[in-house]
Amino acid sequence: MRGSLCSGARTRAATLALMWCIAGALAAQQPSASPPPASQPAVERYEFALDLPAQGKHIVGGARVIYAAPITVDTLRLDLDDAMRVSGVWIGCVEARGQASFVHRGDVLLVAVPAGGIGDTRCLGITYDGEPSDGLIITTDSAGRWAAFGDNFPNRARHWLPTQDHPSRKANVTWTVTAPMGRRVVANGAQVSAVPSPDSRVTTTWRTDRPIPTYGMVIAAAPLSEYRLGDTACGFAEDGRCVPQMVWTAPEQRVWMPGQFARAGEIVDFFARTIGAYPYEKLGHLQTTTRYGGMENPSAIFYYDRGFRKANGIDDGLIAHETAHQWFGDAVTEREWAHIWLSEGFATFFAALWAQHAYGDTAYARETAGMRDAVLKADVVTRRAVIDSVETDPNRLLNENSYPKGGFVLRMLRDEVGDSAFFSGLRRYYTAHRHGNAMTRDLQAAVEATSGRALGWFFDQWLRRPGWAELRTSFRWDEATGRVTMQVEQGARFGPFQLTLPVEVVDASGTRQRMRVPVEARASQAVVLPATFTAAPSSVRCDPEHTLLAVCTSK
C-alpha cells in the first residue's frame, strides 16, 4: 500500500483538491521545525543549479532530488518558501521526464505522483526563481561589492532550496553555481570544476559525497581571496590522506592571514587523534555575513565578518569550537532539535579540550570554570532541562543549557568515569553514528559500554532536570576512631542529586588531602570520609575546585 499525505485520494483531481487543503492549512503556520512525515522517502542526494545575478537579489534555481529508493508514496513533500516561484516539476531521472502536478503554498511544496510513476521514479526535478527572504543572504560588503552567503541554521534552507529541511534528513549535495566572473564560489565538499563562458560568467561545481544536514548546505559567492593553509593532519582524513585547509577572505583582509588560522592544522590533527578521522573532503574557513559568530557548515565554516578586520580577530577558541562541530553536529547530527546539546555542548567542551592540549591544565580549568559560571547565572537553566522537548523554536534552544551546561556535563562525565572510558566512549559513539543521526541515549549507551557502569542516573539528573545541586555540609571528628563524618544537606529547589563529591580536608598541621566520596540523591545524609586523622581537621570543604555543577557551602 502506498503511504501518503493525502490518503484516500486516487484521482488526480481528488489528489490536487486535498493537496490544496493541506497546503492552505500549512500556510497559516510558522515554518515547521518538525521532521517530515515518516512516510516521505529519504533523499540520497540534492543537485542544486543556481544562476546568480550581477546585481539585485533575483536568483534562478533548479533542483534534482534523488531519493534513496524508488518512490512509493503518491504525494511528495518538500519545504520551500513561496517567495521562490516554482515554474515546473517533473518526475524522472532521464530526459524523457514526466511533468507532475504540484501545489506550492506557504513553505510547503506538494507533488502528486501519478499511479505507476513515470520512468525512473527515484528523481524529482524542480525549476524555480525569486528573491530569497532569508537563508541565502544577498548583500553588498563595505566596499559596495555584491556578495551572497548561505545561512541556513536552523531551518532556513527552505527559503531558497527545496529540501526536507530537518537535521534528521541528511543527504549528499552537488552545487552547480553560475555567477559573474570575479566572484569566487565556495561550497561544501570538493571543487569539481570552474568553467568560464563567453558572456564573462563562470560555472563552478562543488560536490560532497558525505551526507550532511540541510542547515549546513551552503554556498558563498563573493570576491573572495584564498589563503592556502596547505595539507594538514596528514593520515587523519577519512580517506587516509591529508586534510586540505584554506581561508577565504575579502581581498583587503588577506593581509591579516593566517593569524590564528595557523593553528587550524594542529586543531584538526588533535581532534582526529582524539575522536576519529576528519570526515570531509576539505576544511575551508570563510569571512561571511553569517548572523552567528561562527557557523559550522560541513567542510566550509562561515565566520562573522568583523573578526577578519584586525590581526588575530578570529581566535583559536572559536576555530576549535567550529572545527569540533565537523565531528559533532555535522558528521554525527542530533535526530531531534531537543538534543542539540549533542552539537553545541560537544563543541563547547572540545574547545576547552583544545585549550588544555594547547595551553595546559590551567587553561582547561579556566574554560570549564567559565562554563560553570555561565550556568549558575542563567535563568533558563533554573526553568528548563538541557533536553528540552517543550521548546519548539530551535533558535531558542541556543542557550546556556545547550552550550555551557552541555559542555560542563561532559566535563563531569569525564571526571566520573575516567579518561580511558570517557574517550573510548566518545570514539565508540562517533564511529557508530558517523554520517548519521544520534540521540542522547546513544551517547549514554556508548559510555556505559566502555565504563562498564550504568549511567542512567547521571544522564537523567544533569540533562533531563533543570538546575544544579545545592549542598550544605558540616563535619565532626570522632577521636576514638579518627574518622571524620561529613553531614550533607541538599536543597529542595532542584531536588537532591547523586554525586561523586570532591572533598578537601585540611588537617591540624595544615596538610591538605583530596578525596572523592559518593553522595546519594537524598535530602540529608551522613558520609564517612575514607581516611583517619589523629586530630580534628581545621576544615573540610566540598568541591573545592568547582568541578561539579553545584553550589556547596561548607561549615
Protein backbone atom coordinates (compact mmCIF):
# COMPACT_ATOMS: atom_id res chain seq x y z
CA MET A 1 0.00 0.00 0.00
CA ARG A 2 1.22 3.49 -0.78
CA GLY A 3 1.90 5.88 2.07
CA SER A 4 0.60 9.40 1.55
CA LEU A 5 -0.08 12.82 2.96
CA CYS A 6 -3.38 12.58 1.05
CA SER A 7 -4.52 9.09 1.96
CA GLY A 8 -7.68 8.02 0.18
CA ALA A 9 -7.19 10.33 -2.84
CA ARG A 10 -6.92 8.24 -6.00
CA THR A 11 -7.82 10.52 -8.92
CA ARG A 12 -5.63 13.42 -9.94
CA ALA A 13 -8.46 15.90 -9.30
CA ALA A 14 -9.14 14.48 -5.85
CA THR A 15 -5.43 14.43 -5.02
CA LEU A 16 -4.98 18.06 -6.05
CA ALA A 17 -8.05 19.17 -4.12
CA LEU A 18 -6.82 17.56 -0.95
CA MET A 19 -3.30 18.89 -1.55
CA TRP A 20 -4.69 22.42 -1.76
CA CYS A 21 -6.49 21.86 1.52
CA ILE A 22 -3.36 20.62 3.25
CA ALA A 23 -1.21 23.41 1.79
CA GLY A 24 -3.74 26.03 2.91
CA ALA A 25 -3.62 24.76 6.48
CA LEU A 26 0.17 24.65 6.46
CA ALA A 27 0.45 28.18 5.05
CA ALA A 28 -1.18 29.57 8.19
CA GLN A 29 1.58 28.12 10.36
CA GLN A 30 5.14 29.19 11.07
CA PRO A 31 7.85 27.18 9.28
CA SER A 32 7.81 23.79 10.92
CA ALA A 33 10.76 22.55 12.95
CA SER A 34 9.26 19.05 12.91
CA PRO A 35 10.71 16.25 10.80
CA PRO A 36 8.93 15.32 7.56
CA PRO A 37 6.32 12.56 7.83
CA ALA A 38 7.90 9.14 8.23
CA SER A 39 6.22 8.05 5.00
CA GLN A 40 8.30 10.52 2.99
CA PRO A 41 11.18 8.74 1.24
CA ALA A 42 14.75 9.50 2.30
CA VAL A 43 16.80 11.72 -0.01
CA GLU A 44 20.17 10.38 -1.13
CA ARG A 45 21.41 13.49 -2.94
CA TYR A 46 20.35 17.01 -3.83
CA GLU A 47 21.71 18.50 -7.05
CA PHE A 48 21.24 22.28 -7.00
CA ALA A 49 21.83 24.51 -10.01
CA LEU A 50 21.79 28.24 -9.29
CA ASP A 51 22.17 31.24 -11.57
CA LEU A 52 23.21 34.33 -9.61
CA PRO A 53 22.67 37.91 -10.80
CA ALA A 54 25.23 40.64 -11.40
CA GLN A 55 23.19 42.84 -9.06
CA GLY A 56 19.97 42.61 -7.14
CA LYS A 57 18.57 39.58 -5.34
CA HIS A 58 16.73 37.61 -8.00
CA ILE A 59 18.06 34.07 -8.42
CA VAL A 60 17.12 31.32 -10.83
CA GLY A 61 17.26 27.83 -9.42
CA GLY A 62 16.89 24.23 -10.38
CA ALA A 63 16.99 21.16 -8.19
CA ARG A 64 17.08 17.46 -8.78
CA VAL A 65 16.13 15.45 -5.72
CA ILE A 66 17.44 11.89 -5.90
CA TYR A 67 15.76 9.56 -3.46
CA ALA A 68 17.48 6.57 -1.90
CA ALA A 69 14.90 4.17 -3.36
CA PRO A 70 12.09 4.27 -5.94
CA ILE A 71 9.21 6.48 -4.86
CA THR A 72 6.30 4.55 -3.35
CA VAL A 73 4.16 7.38 -1.98
CA ASP A 74 1.53 9.20 -4.03
CA THR A 75 2.48 12.64 -2.69
CA LEU A 76 5.97 14.05 -2.22
CA ARG A 77 6.55 16.87 0.24
CA LEU A 78 9.40 19.38 0.32
CA ASP A 79 9.99 22.55 2.29
CA LEU A 80 10.27 25.62 0.03
CA ASP A 81 9.21 29.17 0.84
CA ASP A 82 6.69 30.58 -1.62
CA ALA A 83 8.94 33.58 -2.30
CA MET A 84 10.58 31.05 -4.60
CA ARG A 85 8.16 30.72 -7.55
CA VAL A 86 8.02 27.16 -8.85
CA SER A 87 7.66 27.08 -12.64
CA GLY A 88 7.92 23.36 -13.27
CA VAL A 89 8.05 19.98 -11.55
CA TRP A 90 8.75 16.61 -13.11
CA ILE A 91 9.36 13.06 -12.00
CA GLY A 92 12.14 11.02 -13.55
CA CYS A 93 15.92 10.95 -13.75
CA VAL A 94 16.30 10.94 -17.54
CA GLU A 95 15.45 13.44 -20.24
CA ALA A 96 12.15 11.72 -21.05
CA ARG A 97 10.71 13.01 -17.85
CA GLY A 98 7.07 13.46 -16.95
CA GLN A 99 5.55 16.73 -15.82
CA ALA A 100 3.93 16.42 -12.42
CA SER A 101 1.09 18.28 -10.78
CA PHE A 102 2.04 20.28 -7.72
CA VAL A 103 0.77 22.70 -5.12
CA HIS A 104 3.07 25.33 -3.58
CA ARG A 105 1.76 27.42 -0.76
CA GLY A 106 3.36 28.85 2.37
CA ASP A 107 6.61 26.97 2.77
CA VAL A 108 5.40 23.59 1.52
CA LEU A 109 5.67 22.10 -1.96
CA LEU A 110 3.42 19.08 -2.56
CA VAL A 111 3.89 16.98 -5.69
CA ALA A 112 1.38 14.41 -6.94
CA VAL A 113 2.99 11.16 -8.06
CA PRO A 114 0.98 9.54 -10.90
CA ALA A 115 -0.08 5.96 -10.30
CA GLY A 116 2.71 3.71 -11.53
CA GLY A 117 5.15 6.61 -11.70
CA ILE A 118 6.89 7.95 -14.80
CA GLY A 119 10.20 6.48 -15.88
CA ASP A 120 12.78 6.15 -13.15
CA THR A 121 10.88 7.42 -10.14
CA ARG A 122 13.89 7.91 -7.86
CA CYS A 123 14.16 11.52 -9.06
CA LEU A 124 12.15 14.68 -8.68
CA GLY A 125 13.06 17.81 -10.65
CA ILE A 126 12.09 21.39 -9.83
CA THR A 127 12.68 24.74 -11.53
CA TYR A 128 12.07 27.95 -9.60
CA ASP A 129 13.14 31.57 -9.21
CA GLY A 130 12.65 34.53 -6.91
CA GLU A 131 14.23 36.75 -4.27
CA PRO A 132 15.09 34.81 -1.10
CA SER A 133 13.69 36.45 2.03
CA ASP A 134 16.21 34.56 4.15
CA GLY A 135 18.62 31.63 4.02
CA LEU A 136 20.69 32.96 1.13
CA ILE A 137 21.81 36.35 2.39
CA ILE A 138 22.43 38.66 -0.58
CA THR A 139 24.07 41.94 0.27
CA THR A 140 26.90 44.31 -0.57
CA ASP A 141 30.04 44.47 1.50
CA SER A 142 31.73 47.58 2.91
CA ALA A 143 33.36 48.19 -0.47
CA GLY A 144 29.99 48.01 -2.28
CA ARG A 145 30.66 44.58 -3.83
CA TRP A 146 27.81 42.11 -4.37
CA ALA A 147 28.02 39.02 -2.18
CA ALA A 148 25.81 36.06 -1.24
CA PHE A 149 26.25 33.63 1.62
CA GLY A 150 24.10 30.71 2.69
CA ASP A 151 23.00 30.95 6.32
CA ASN A 152 20.50 28.14 6.83
CA PHE A 153 20.51 27.34 10.53
CA PRO A 154 18.25 26.04 11.95
CA ASN A 155 15.54 25.51 9.31
CA ARG A 156 16.11 28.36 6.86
CA ALA A 157 17.32 26.33 3.87
CA ARG A 158 13.69 26.29 2.72
CA HIS A 159 13.90 29.99 1.90
CA TRP A 160 16.00 29.23 -1.19
CA LEU A 161 16.36 25.44 -1.54
CA PRO A 162 13.67 22.75 -1.91
CA THR A 163 14.62 20.21 0.77
CA GLN A 164 13.43 18.07 3.63
CA ASP A 165 14.58 20.80 5.99
CA HIS A 166 15.27 18.91 9.20
CA PRO A 167 18.51 17.57 10.72
CA SER A 168 17.17 14.00 10.74
CA ARG A 169 17.11 14.03 6.92
CA LYS A 170 20.74 14.29 5.85
CA ALA A 171 21.83 13.91 2.23
CA ASN A 172 24.74 14.35 -0.15
CA VAL A 173 24.77 17.56 -2.18
CA THR A 174 26.12 18.79 -5.51
CA TRP A 175 26.27 22.50 -6.32
CA THR A 176 26.46 23.97 -9.82
CA VAL A 177 26.56 27.75 -9.47
CA THR A 178 26.83 30.24 -12.30
CA ALA A 179 27.99 33.73 -11.31
CA PRO A 180 29.65 36.77 -12.89
CA MET A 181 33.40 36.49 -13.31
CA GLY A 182 35.26 37.96 -10.35
CA ARG A 183 33.15 36.20 -7.75
CA ARG A 184 34.61 33.18 -6.06
CA VAL A 185 32.08 30.43 -5.42
CA VAL A 186 32.81 28.13 -2.48
CA ALA A 187 30.57 25.34 -1.19
CA ASN A 188 30.53 22.05 0.65
CA GLY A 189 32.87 19.25 -0.38
CA ALA A 190 35.48 19.35 -3.11
CA GLN A 191 35.55 21.59 -6.16
CA VAL A 192 34.91 19.59 -9.32
CA SER A 193 35.26 22.30 -11.95
CA ALA A 194 35.13 26.02 -12.76
CA VAL A 195 34.18 26.65 -16.38
CA PRO A 196 34.15 30.19 -17.86
CA SER A 197 31.70 31.13 -20.59
CA PRO A 198 31.93 33.78 -23.35
CA ASP A 199 29.49 36.05 -21.50
CA SER A 200 32.00 36.65 -18.67
CA ARG A 201 30.36 34.22 -16.30
CA VAL A 202 31.79 31.18 -14.58
CA THR A 203 30.01 27.97 -13.67
CA THR A 204 31.53 26.33 -10.60
CA THR A 205 30.67 22.83 -9.38
CA TRP A 206 31.25 21.53 -5.85
CA ARG A 207 30.30 18.08 -4.59
CA THR A 208 30.31 16.25 -1.28
CA ASP A 209 29.80 12.52 -1.02
CA ARG A 210 29.11 12.61 2.69
CA PRO A 211 25.52 13.12 3.87
CA ILE A 212 25.12 16.45 5.67
CA PRO A 213 22.22 18.27 7.35
CA THR A 214 20.34 20.86 5.33
CA TYR A 215 21.29 23.61 7.79
CA GLY A 216 24.88 23.20 6.59
CA MET A 217 24.21 23.06 2.83
CA VAL A 218 25.65 26.40 1.75
CA ILE A 219 27.42 28.40 -0.89
CA ALA A 220 29.49 31.57 -0.72
CA ALA A 221 29.65 33.77 -3.80
CA ALA A 222 31.76 36.91 -3.37
CA PRO A 223 35.09 38.48 -4.39
CA LEU A 224 36.98 36.17 -2.04
CA SER A 225 40.74 35.81 -1.87
CA GLU A 226 42.11 32.40 -0.96
CA TYR A 227 44.92 31.89 1.53
CA ARG A 228 46.09 28.29 1.47
CA LEU A 229 46.98 26.69 4.76
CA GLY A 230 48.15 23.61 2.87
CA ASP A 231 47.69 19.92 3.51
CA THR A 232 47.16 19.37 7.24
CA ALA A 233 46.57 16.46 9.63
CA CYS A 234 48.12 14.06 7.12
CA GLY A 235 46.99 10.50 7.67
CA PHE A 236 43.92 11.67 9.56
CA ALA A 237 41.46 12.36 6.75
CA GLU A 238 38.68 9.84 6.28
CA ASP A 239 40.38 8.55 3.13
CA GLY A 240 43.69 8.26 4.96
CA ARG A 241 45.19 11.28 3.21
CA CYS A 242 45.72 14.87 4.32
CA VAL A 243 43.06 17.50 5.05
CA PRO A 244 43.40 20.49 2.69
CA GLN A 245 42.68 23.72 4.56
CA MET A 246 42.34 27.26 3.35
CA VAL A 247 40.92 30.63 4.39
CA TRP A 248 38.81 32.80 2.10
CA THR A 249 38.59 36.50 2.93
CA ALA A 250 37.77 39.79 1.28
CA PRO A 251 40.88 40.78 -0.74
CA GLU A 252 41.84 43.62 1.60
CA GLN A 253 41.65 41.37 4.67
CA ARG A 254 44.07 38.79 3.29
CA VAL A 255 46.92 40.80 4.81
CA TRP A 256 45.93 39.51 8.26
CA MET A 257 46.25 35.87 7.25
CA PRO A 258 46.98 33.31 8.56
CA GLY A 259 46.63 34.76 12.06
CA GLN A 260 45.20 32.18 14.45
CA PHE A 261 44.28 30.01 11.48
CA ALA A 262 47.94 28.97 11.53
CA ARG A 263 46.80 26.55 14.27
CA ALA A 264 43.95 25.07 12.20
CA GLY A 265 46.02 22.09 11.10
CA GLU A 266 47.02 21.26 14.67
CA ILE A 267 43.39 21.56 15.78
CA VAL A 268 42.19 19.06 13.18
CA ASP A 269 45.09 16.75 13.97
CA PHE A 270 44.30 16.82 17.71
CA PHE A 271 40.57 16.23 17.25
CA ALA A 272 41.16 13.44 14.73
CA ARG A 273 43.53 11.67 17.11
CA THR A 274 41.02 12.12 19.93
CA ILE A 275 37.77 11.25 18.12
CA GLY A 276 38.35 9.73 14.70
CA ALA A 277 39.34 10.64 11.16
CA TYR A 278 38.29 14.05 9.82
CA PRO A 279 35.04 13.36 7.95
CA TYR A 280 35.03 15.70 4.89
CA GLU A 281 36.91 16.43 1.68
CA LYS A 282 38.45 19.71 2.89
CA LEU A 283 38.11 22.31 5.60
CA GLY A 284 37.56 25.88 4.45
CA HIS A 285 37.29 28.92 6.72
CA LEU A 286 35.37 31.89 5.28
CA GLN A 287 34.74 35.53 6.08
CA THR A 288 30.96 35.92 5.66
CA THR A 289 27.80 37.68 6.76
CA THR A 290 26.50 34.87 8.98
CA ARG A 291 24.27 36.07 11.80
CA TYR A 292 26.21 33.79 14.15
CA GLY A 293 29.76 34.20 15.45
CA GLY A 294 30.58 31.07 13.53
CA MET A 295 28.52 28.58 11.56
CA GLU A 296 29.86 25.05 11.27
CA ASN A 297 28.76 24.23 7.71
CA PRO A 298 30.38 20.89 6.83
CA SER A 299 33.82 21.50 5.23
CA ALA A 300 33.07 25.24 4.84
CA ILE A 301 32.94 27.08 8.18
CA PHE A 302 31.46 30.58 7.98
CA TYR A 303 32.74 33.18 10.49
CA TYR A 304 31.42 36.65 11.24
CA ASP A 305 32.78 39.45 9.07
CA ARG A 306 34.22 41.77 11.75
CA GLY A 307 36.54 39.11 13.09
CA PHE A 308 38.64 39.37 9.93
CA ARG A 309 39.15 43.12 10.11
CA LYS A 310 42.09 43.02 12.51
CA ALA A 311 45.02 40.77 13.29
CA ASN A 312 44.01 37.60 15.15
CA GLY A 313 40.39 38.74 15.22
CA ILE A 314 39.23 35.14 14.95
CA ASP A 315 40.79 33.37 17.93
CA ASP A 316 41.76 29.72 18.08
CA GLY A 317 39.00 29.03 20.62
CA LEU A 318 36.34 29.89 18.04
CA ILE A 319 38.20 27.96 15.35
CA ALA A 320 38.35 24.95 17.67
CA HIS A 321 34.64 25.23 18.53
CA GLU A 322 33.54 25.33 14.89
CA THR A 323 36.04 22.65 13.86
CA ALA A 324 34.79 20.31 16.60
CA HIS A 325 31.35 20.63 15.01
CA GLN A 326 32.67 18.89 11.91
CA TRP A 327 32.56 15.72 14.02
CA PHE A 328 29.76 16.57 16.44
CA GLY A 329 26.83 18.32 14.81
CA ASP A 330 27.80 17.71 11.19
CA ALA A 331 29.04 14.12 10.91
CA VAL A 332 27.01 13.00 13.94
CA THR A 333 23.85 15.09 13.95
CA GLU A 334 21.12 15.21 16.59
CA ARG A 335 17.99 13.46 15.32
CA GLU A 336 15.71 15.86 17.22
CA TRP A 337 16.23 19.53 18.00
CA ALA A 338 15.71 18.88 21.71
CA HIS A 339 19.07 17.06 21.72
CA ILE A 340 21.02 19.95 20.23
CA TRP A 341 23.41 19.80 23.19
CA LEU A 342 24.99 16.84 21.33
CA SER A 343 26.23 19.51 18.94
CA GLU A 344 26.71 22.69 20.95
CA GLY A 345 27.69 21.13 24.26
CA PHE A 346 30.26 18.96 22.49
CA ALA A 347 31.75 21.89 20.58
CA THR A 348 31.94 23.93 23.80
CA PHE A 349 33.66 21.10 25.66
CA PHE A 350 36.07 20.32 22.81
CA ALA A 351 37.13 23.96 22.61
CA ALA A 352 38.10 23.61 26.29
CA LEU A 353 39.82 20.33 25.49
CA TRP A 354 41.82 22.11 22.78
CA ALA A 355 42.80 24.78 25.33
CA GLN A 356 44.07 22.01 27.64
CA HIS A 357 46.05 20.45 24.80
CA ALA A 358 47.49 23.75 23.58
CA TYR A 359 47.97 25.69 26.83
CA GLY A 360 47.77 23.23 29.72
CA ASP A 361 45.53 22.19 32.59
CA THR A 362 45.15 25.74 33.91
CA ALA A 363 43.58 26.82 30.61
CA TYR A 364 41.19 23.86 30.72
CA ALA A 365 40.21 24.75 34.28
CA ARG A 366 39.67 28.38 33.25
CA GLU A 367 37.47 27.38 30.29
CA THR A 368 35.33 24.97 32.28
CA ALA A 369 35.04 27.46 35.15
CA GLY A 370 33.63 29.93 32.64
CA MET A 371 31.02 27.34 31.62
CA ARG A 372 30.04 26.75 35.25
CA ASP A 373 29.76 30.46 36.00
CA ALA A 374 27.53 30.98 32.96
CA VAL A 375 25.24 28.13 34.03
CA LEU A 376 24.85 29.41 37.59
CA LYS A 377 23.88 32.86 36.30
CA ALA A 378 21.36 31.68 33.69
CA ASP A 379 17.65 31.90 34.39
CA VAL A 380 16.81 29.37 31.67
CA VAL A 381 18.83 26.69 33.47
CA THR A 382 16.61 27.08 36.55
CA ARG A 383 13.46 26.52 34.48
CA ARG A 384 14.27 24.12 31.67
CA ALA A 385 16.25 20.93 31.17
CA VAL A 386 19.11 20.60 28.69
CA ILE A 387 17.00 18.11 26.70
CA ASP A 388 14.11 20.49 26.21
CA SER A 389 11.20 18.86 24.39
CA VAL A 390 8.83 21.72 25.22
CA GLU A 391 10.56 24.48 23.23
CA THR A 392 9.51 24.34 19.56
CA ASP A 393 11.78 27.09 18.20
CA PRO A 394 15.28 25.63 17.61
CA ASN A 395 16.86 29.08 17.83
CA ARG A 396 15.62 29.41 21.41
CA LEU A 397 17.46 26.21 22.27
CA LEU A 398 20.75 28.02 21.61
CA ASN A 399 21.13 29.00 25.24
CA GLU A 400 23.11 28.30 28.39
CA ASN A 401 21.64 24.81 28.62
CA SER A 402 22.89 23.55 25.27
CA TYR A 403 26.26 25.39 25.30
CA PRO A 404 27.90 25.76 28.76
CA LYS A 405 25.76 23.31 30.71
CA GLY A 406 26.07 20.69 27.98
CA GLY A 407 29.83 21.30 27.87
CA PHE A 408 30.20 21.11 31.63
CA VAL A 409 28.17 17.91 31.79
CA LEU A 410 30.77 16.34 29.51
CA ARG A 411 33.50 17.59 31.83
CA MET A 412 31.70 15.94 34.77
CA LEU A 413 31.18 12.72 32.80
CA ARG A 414 34.92 12.64 32.10
CA ASP A 415 35.65 13.03 35.81
CA GLU A 416 33.03 10.43 36.73
CA VAL A 417 34.21 7.55 34.52
CA GLY A 418 37.87 8.49 33.95
CA ASP A 419 39.73 9.43 30.78
CA SER A 420 40.05 5.92 29.33
CA ALA A 421 36.34 5.06 29.47
CA PHE A 422 35.29 8.60 28.55
CA PHE A 423 37.33 8.99 25.37
CA SER A 424 36.79 5.38 24.34
CA GLY A 425 33.07 6.00 24.77
CA LEU A 426 33.17 9.14 22.62
CA ARG A 427 35.03 7.28 19.88
CA ARG A 428 32.54 4.41 20.07
CA TYR A 429 29.63 6.87 19.83
CA TYR A 430 31.18 8.73 16.91
CA THR A 431 32.04 5.59 14.96
CA ALA A 432 28.56 4.12 15.39
CA HIS A 433 26.73 7.25 14.20
CA ARG A 434 29.18 8.91 11.78
CA HIS A 435 27.36 10.39 8.78
CA GLY A 436 24.07 9.69 10.51
CA ASN A 437 21.97 10.83 13.44
CA ALA A 438 22.03 10.19 17.16
CA MET A 439 20.17 10.85 20.39
CA THR A 440 21.40 11.27 23.95
CA ARG A 441 20.60 7.65 24.73
CA ASP A 442 23.15 6.61 22.08
CA LEU A 443 25.90 8.53 23.87
CA GLN A 444 24.83 7.05 27.19
CA ALA A 445 24.95 3.51 25.77
CA ALA A 446 28.44 4.07 24.34
CA VAL A 447 29.92 5.34 27.61
CA GLU A 448 28.14 2.65 29.61
CA ALA A 449 29.73 0.05 27.35
CA THR A 450 33.26 1.41 27.79
CA SER A 451 32.95 2.14 31.52
CA GLY A 452 31.03 -0.98 32.47
CA ARG A 453 28.70 1.19 34.55
CA ALA A 454 25.03 2.04 34.48
CA LEU A 455 24.84 5.80 33.94
CA GLY A 456 21.12 6.47 33.61
CA TRP A 457 21.18 8.40 36.91
CA PHE A 458 23.91 10.70 35.59
CA PHE A 459 22.23 11.50 32.25
CA ASP A 460 18.78 11.88 33.81
CA GLN A 461 19.72 14.31 36.57
CA TRP A 462 22.04 16.53 34.54
CA LEU A 463 20.22 16.56 31.20
CA ARG A 464 16.55 15.87 31.92
CA ARG A 465 16.12 18.07 35.01
CA PRO A 466 16.64 21.81 35.39
CA GLY A 467 19.09 23.36 37.78
CA TRP A 468 22.10 22.18 39.68
CA ALA A 469 22.98 20.69 43.05
CA GLU A 470 22.75 22.87 46.16
CA LEU A 471 24.55 21.49 49.20
CA ARG A 472 25.41 22.49 52.74
CA THR A 473 28.00 20.42 54.58
CA SER A 474 29.36 20.23 58.10
CA PHE A 475 31.65 17.73 59.81
CA ARG A 476 32.52 16.13 63.09
CA TRP A 477 35.63 14.19 64.11
CA ASP A 478 35.46 11.05 66.24
CA GLU A 479 38.52 10.96 68.50
CA ALA A 480 38.08 7.25 69.23
CA THR A 481 38.16 6.14 65.58
CA GLY A 482 39.96 9.07 63.99
CA ARG A 483 37.18 9.22 61.42
CA VAL A 484 35.53 12.32 60.00
CA THR A 485 31.81 12.22 59.26
CA MET A 486 30.51 14.83 56.86
CA GLN A 487 26.86 15.76 57.08
CA VAL A 488 25.41 16.63 53.66
CA GLU A 489 22.13 18.51 53.25
CA GLN A 490 20.70 19.09 49.77
CA GLY A 491 18.36 21.95 48.92
CA ALA A 492 14.77 21.45 47.80
CA ARG A 493 14.75 23.93 44.90
CA PHE A 494 16.08 21.44 42.32
CA GLY A 495 15.88 18.31 44.44
CA PRO A 496 18.72 16.04 45.58
CA PHE A 497 21.44 14.85 43.19
CA GLN A 498 23.60 11.76 43.19
CA LEU A 499 27.21 12.91 43.22
CA THR A 500 30.77 11.78 43.44
CA LEU A 501 31.72 14.70 45.64
CA PRO A 502 35.28 16.06 45.73
CA VAL A 503 36.33 16.90 49.28
CA GLU A 504 39.39 18.71 50.61
CA VAL A 505 40.41 18.10 54.22
CA VAL A 506 42.94 20.38 55.90
CA ASP A 507 44.29 18.60 58.96
CA ALA A 508 45.57 20.15 62.18
CA SER A 509 49.08 20.53 60.72
CA GLY A 510 47.81 22.35 57.63
CA THR A 511 48.31 19.40 55.26
CA ARG A 512 45.69 19.13 52.54
CA GLN A 513 44.15 15.83 51.46
CA ARG A 514 41.85 15.42 48.46
CA MET A 515 39.34 12.59 48.14
CA ARG A 516 36.12 11.79 46.31
CA VAL A 517 33.14 10.39 48.18
CA PRO A 518 29.79 9.06 46.96
CA VAL A 519 26.73 11.10 47.89
CA GLU A 520 23.27 9.66 47.35
CA ALA A 521 20.31 11.56 45.94
CA ARG A 522 18.83 12.20 49.38
CA ALA A 523 17.92 15.39 51.19
CA SER A 524 20.09 14.55 54.19
CA GLN A 525 22.81 12.00 54.84
CA ALA A 526 26.00 11.35 56.76
CA VAL A 527 29.10 10.36 54.81
CA VAL A 528 32.17 8.88 56.50
CA LEU A 529 35.36 10.05 54.78
CA PRO A 530 37.85 7.36 53.66
CA ALA A 531 40.75 8.49 55.87
CA THR A 532 41.70 8.72 59.54
CA PHE A 533 43.05 11.75 61.39
CA THR A 534 44.94 12.00 64.67
CA ALA A 535 43.35 15.32 65.47
CA ALA A 536 40.29 17.25 64.44
CA PRO A 537 40.75 18.77 60.95
CA SER A 538 40.76 22.53 60.72
CA SER A 539 38.41 22.45 57.70
CA VAL A 540 36.50 20.11 55.39
CA ARG A 541 35.50 21.72 52.11
CA CYS A 542 33.25 20.26 49.43
CA ASP A 543 34.01 20.67 45.71
CA PRO A 544 37.00 22.98 46.36
CA GLU A 545 37.93 23.34 42.68
CA HIS A 546 34.32 23.72 41.45
CA THR A 547 34.36 20.61 39.27
CA LEU A 548 30.62 19.99 39.75
CA LEU A 549 27.53 21.94 38.75
CA ALA A 550 26.91 22.57 42.40
CA VAL A 551 26.80 25.37 44.92
CA CYS A 552 28.34 23.89 48.03
CA THR A 553 28.57 25.71 51.38
CA SER A 554 30.87 24.17 53.99
CA LYS A 555 30.95 24.82 57.73
